[in-house]
Protein backbone atom coordinates (compact mmCIF):
# COMPACT_ATOMS: atom_id res chain seq x y z
CA MET A 1 -39.20 -46.60 -90.54
CA MET A 2 -42.53 -47.71 -89.06
CA GLU A 3 -40.91 -50.92 -87.74
CA THR A 4 -38.27 -48.90 -85.86
CA LYS A 5 -40.87 -46.72 -84.16
CA SER A 6 -42.96 -49.75 -83.31
CA THR A 7 -39.95 -51.58 -81.87
CA THR A 8 -38.81 -48.66 -79.70
CA ASP A 9 -42.38 -48.02 -78.58
CA ILE A 10 -42.70 -51.65 -77.48
CA LEU A 11 -39.38 -51.45 -75.65
CA LYS A 12 -40.49 -48.24 -73.90
CA GLU A 13 -43.78 -49.91 -72.96
CA ALA A 14 -41.90 -52.94 -71.62
CA ILE A 15 -39.54 -50.76 -69.54
CA LEU A 16 -42.49 -48.80 -68.16
CA LEU A 17 -44.34 -52.03 -67.33
CA GLU A 18 -41.29 -53.31 -65.42
CA GLN A 19 -40.91 -49.96 -63.59
CA ARG A 20 -44.56 -50.07 -62.55
CA GLY A 21 -44.13 -53.67 -61.41
CA LYS A 22 -41.06 -52.79 -59.37
CA ALA A 23 -42.90 -49.85 -57.74
CA PHE A 24 -45.95 -52.02 -57.04
CA TYR A 25 -43.92 -54.82 -55.44
CA SER A 26 -41.72 -52.43 -53.46
CA ASN A 27 -44.82 -50.69 -52.13
CA ILE A 28 -46.36 -53.98 -50.94
CA ALA A 29 -43.05 -54.97 -49.33
CA ALA A 30 -43.02 -51.64 -47.48
CA GLN A 31 -46.62 -51.96 -46.25
CA THR A 32 -46.91 -55.59 -45.19
CA GLN A 33 -46.66 -56.79 -41.59
CA SER A 34 -45.47 -60.22 -42.75
CA GLU A 35 -41.72 -60.75 -42.98
CA ALA A 36 -42.15 -63.57 -45.54
CA VAL A 37 -44.39 -61.40 -47.73
CA ARG A 38 -41.88 -58.54 -47.44
CA ARG A 39 -39.10 -60.86 -48.63
CA ILE A 40 -41.17 -62.34 -51.46
CA PHE A 41 -42.18 -58.97 -52.87
CA SER A 42 -38.66 -57.60 -52.37
CA ILE A 43 -37.30 -60.53 -54.41
CA ILE A 44 -39.79 -59.90 -57.21
CA ALA A 45 -39.07 -56.13 -57.11
CA GLY A 46 -35.37 -56.96 -57.43
CA GLU A 47 -36.05 -59.22 -60.39
CA GLU A 48 -38.11 -56.48 -62.05
CA GLU A 49 -35.13 -54.13 -61.51
CA GLN A 50 -32.94 -56.64 -63.39
CA HIS A 51 -35.51 -56.67 -66.21
CA ILE A 52 -35.46 -52.84 -66.34
CA LEU A 53 -31.65 -52.82 -66.68
CA PHE A 54 -31.74 -55.58 -69.27
CA LEU A 55 -34.43 -53.82 -71.34
CA SER A 56 -32.71 -50.44 -70.99
CA ASN A 57 -29.49 -51.93 -72.35
CA GLN A 58 -31.40 -53.48 -75.24
CA PHE A 59 -33.11 -50.14 -75.88
CA SER A 60 -29.79 -48.25 -75.98
CA HIS A 61 -28.25 -50.85 -78.25
CA TYR A 62 -31.26 -50.78 -80.57
CA GLN A 63 -31.21 -46.95 -80.72
CA LYS A 64 -27.55 -47.00 -81.78
CA HIS A 65 -27.43 -50.06 -84.04
CA LYS A 66 -31.06 -50.72 -85.07
CA ALA A 67 -30.50 -54.28 -83.85
CA PHE A 68 -30.83 -56.25 -80.64
CA THR A 69 -27.93 -57.77 -78.78
CA GLU A 70 -27.69 -61.52 -78.81
CA ILE A 71 -29.50 -63.21 -75.92
CA SER A 72 -26.91 -65.54 -74.47
CA ASP A 73 -26.73 -65.75 -70.70
CA LYS A 74 -30.17 -65.81 -69.15
CA ALA A 75 -29.24 -67.96 -66.16
CA ASP A 76 -28.50 -64.96 -63.89
CA LEU A 77 -32.10 -63.85 -64.19
CA ALA A 78 -33.72 -67.18 -63.38
CA PRO A 79 -35.59 -67.30 -60.05
CA ASP A 80 -34.28 -69.45 -57.21
CA GLU A 81 -36.93 -72.15 -56.79
CA VAL A 82 -35.64 -73.40 -53.43
CA SER A 83 -35.88 -70.05 -51.66
CA ARG A 84 -39.28 -69.49 -53.25
CA GLN A 85 -40.66 -72.75 -51.83
CA VAL A 86 -39.33 -71.98 -48.35
CA LEU A 87 -40.81 -68.48 -48.47
CA THR A 88 -44.15 -69.79 -49.72
CA ASP A 89 -44.47 -72.22 -46.81
CA GLU A 90 -43.35 -69.63 -44.26
CA MET A 91 -45.73 -67.04 -45.65
CA LYS A 92 -48.77 -69.31 -45.46
CA ASN A 93 -48.39 -69.34 -41.70
CA GLN A 94 -48.12 -65.56 -41.47
CA ILE A 95 -51.00 -64.16 -43.49
CA SER A 96 -54.72 -64.35 -43.85
CA ALA A 97 -56.12 -65.27 -47.27
CA ALA A 98 -58.69 -62.51 -46.87
CA GLY A 99 -56.24 -59.76 -45.96
CA PHE A 100 -54.16 -57.05 -47.63
CA GLU A 101 -51.35 -59.42 -48.64
CA ALA A 102 -53.71 -61.88 -50.32
CA ALA A 103 -55.32 -59.01 -52.25
CA ALA A 104 -51.84 -57.83 -53.25
CA ILE A 105 -50.96 -61.33 -54.48
CA SER A 106 -54.15 -61.41 -56.53
CA ALA A 107 -53.37 -58.01 -58.08
CA ALA A 108 -49.79 -59.12 -58.73
CA MET A 109 -51.07 -62.19 -60.61
CA ASP A 110 -53.07 -59.89 -62.92
CA PHE A 111 -50.03 -57.67 -63.37
CA GLU A 112 -47.83 -60.62 -64.34
CA ALA A 113 -50.52 -61.96 -66.71
CA LYS A 114 -50.48 -58.63 -68.58
CA ALA A 115 -46.68 -58.76 -68.83
CA VAL A 116 -46.76 -62.35 -70.14
CA GLU A 117 -49.39 -61.32 -72.70
CA LEU A 118 -47.38 -58.30 -73.89
CA TYR A 119 -44.11 -60.21 -74.22
CA SER A 120 -45.64 -63.35 -75.76
CA GLY A 121 -47.52 -61.26 -78.30
CA ARG A 122 -44.41 -59.34 -79.23
CA ALA A 123 -42.37 -62.55 -79.52
CA GLU A 124 -44.94 -63.87 -82.02
CA THR A 125 -44.78 -60.80 -84.25
CA ALA A 126 -41.03 -60.08 -83.97
CA THR A 127 -39.09 -60.79 -87.14
CA ASP A 128 -35.62 -60.20 -85.66
CA THR A 129 -34.28 -63.42 -84.08
CA ASN A 130 -32.66 -61.67 -81.10
CA GLU A 131 -35.78 -59.57 -80.48
CA LYS A 132 -37.93 -62.73 -80.58
CA ALA A 133 -35.53 -64.47 -78.14
CA MET A 134 -35.57 -61.45 -75.82
CA TYR A 135 -39.38 -61.32 -75.62
CA LEU A 136 -39.66 -65.09 -75.21
CA MET A 137 -37.21 -64.87 -72.31
CA LEU A 138 -39.11 -61.96 -70.73
CA ALA A 139 -42.40 -63.87 -71.06
CA GLN A 140 -40.73 -66.85 -69.39
CA TRP A 141 -39.47 -64.69 -66.47
CA GLU A 142 -42.88 -63.17 -65.90
CA ARG A 143 -44.58 -66.55 -66.26
CA GLY A 144 -42.28 -67.74 -63.45
CA HIS A 145 -43.51 -64.89 -61.22
CA GLN A 146 -47.10 -65.62 -62.21
CA LYS A 147 -46.81 -69.34 -61.40
CA TRP A 148 -45.18 -68.61 -58.05
CA LEU A 149 -47.90 -66.13 -57.11
CA MET A 150 -50.63 -68.52 -58.29
CA ARG A 151 -49.19 -71.30 -56.15
CA ILE A 152 -49.18 -69.03 -53.10
CA ASP A 153 -52.74 -67.90 -53.85
CA LYS A 154 -53.95 -71.50 -54.21
CA ASP A 155 -52.28 -72.52 -50.94
CA LEU A 156 -53.81 -69.58 -49.10
CA ARG A 157 -57.24 -70.34 -50.49
CA GLU A 158 -57.04 -73.98 -49.45
CA GLN A 159 -55.93 -72.91 -45.98
CA VAL A 160 -59.02 -70.70 -45.62
CA TRP A 161 -61.25 -73.51 -46.86
CA TYR A 162 -59.80 -75.89 -44.29
CA ASP A 163 -59.95 -73.28 -41.51
CA ASN A 164 -63.61 -72.60 -42.25
CA ASN A 165 -64.67 -76.16 -43.04
CA PHE A 166 -65.62 -75.26 -46.63
CA TRP A 167 -64.72 -78.70 -47.95
CA PRO A 168 -67.82 -80.64 -48.99
CA PHE A 169 -66.62 -83.92 -47.45
């Protein structure tokens, strides 16, 4: 019985984490002056919404059947790398690395790191094959967000260094 409580608690925690992420990203999208930043954070908020629906369905299924559904089609939830690259380049020209958006990106990276940690940890301890697959997939999704945000952050930082002649050569 302890395993059931633990599993549903983890699922609730995961759903809550995704809801907080969605709220966080939607809030940044609403506040930014940069169209590229608005689109980036709207995309991530939309992806978090997909995660919420996915996890909610898993939660309902687990409540009824004490088992997870099989993880088969994860392609729909994979990020579109091409649009991400275009947005990243467009955004670099629109924002300051010392401004609100850059701070939001930094906070978002921390947020995604916590999600990756939660899901990876759960994948390691899960005994159910479908549960393990679900958490591995979630960790992979969030790692994708994290890498994207880290790339943007690195590009912004380099831009500031160039703009301010911080390079030592």
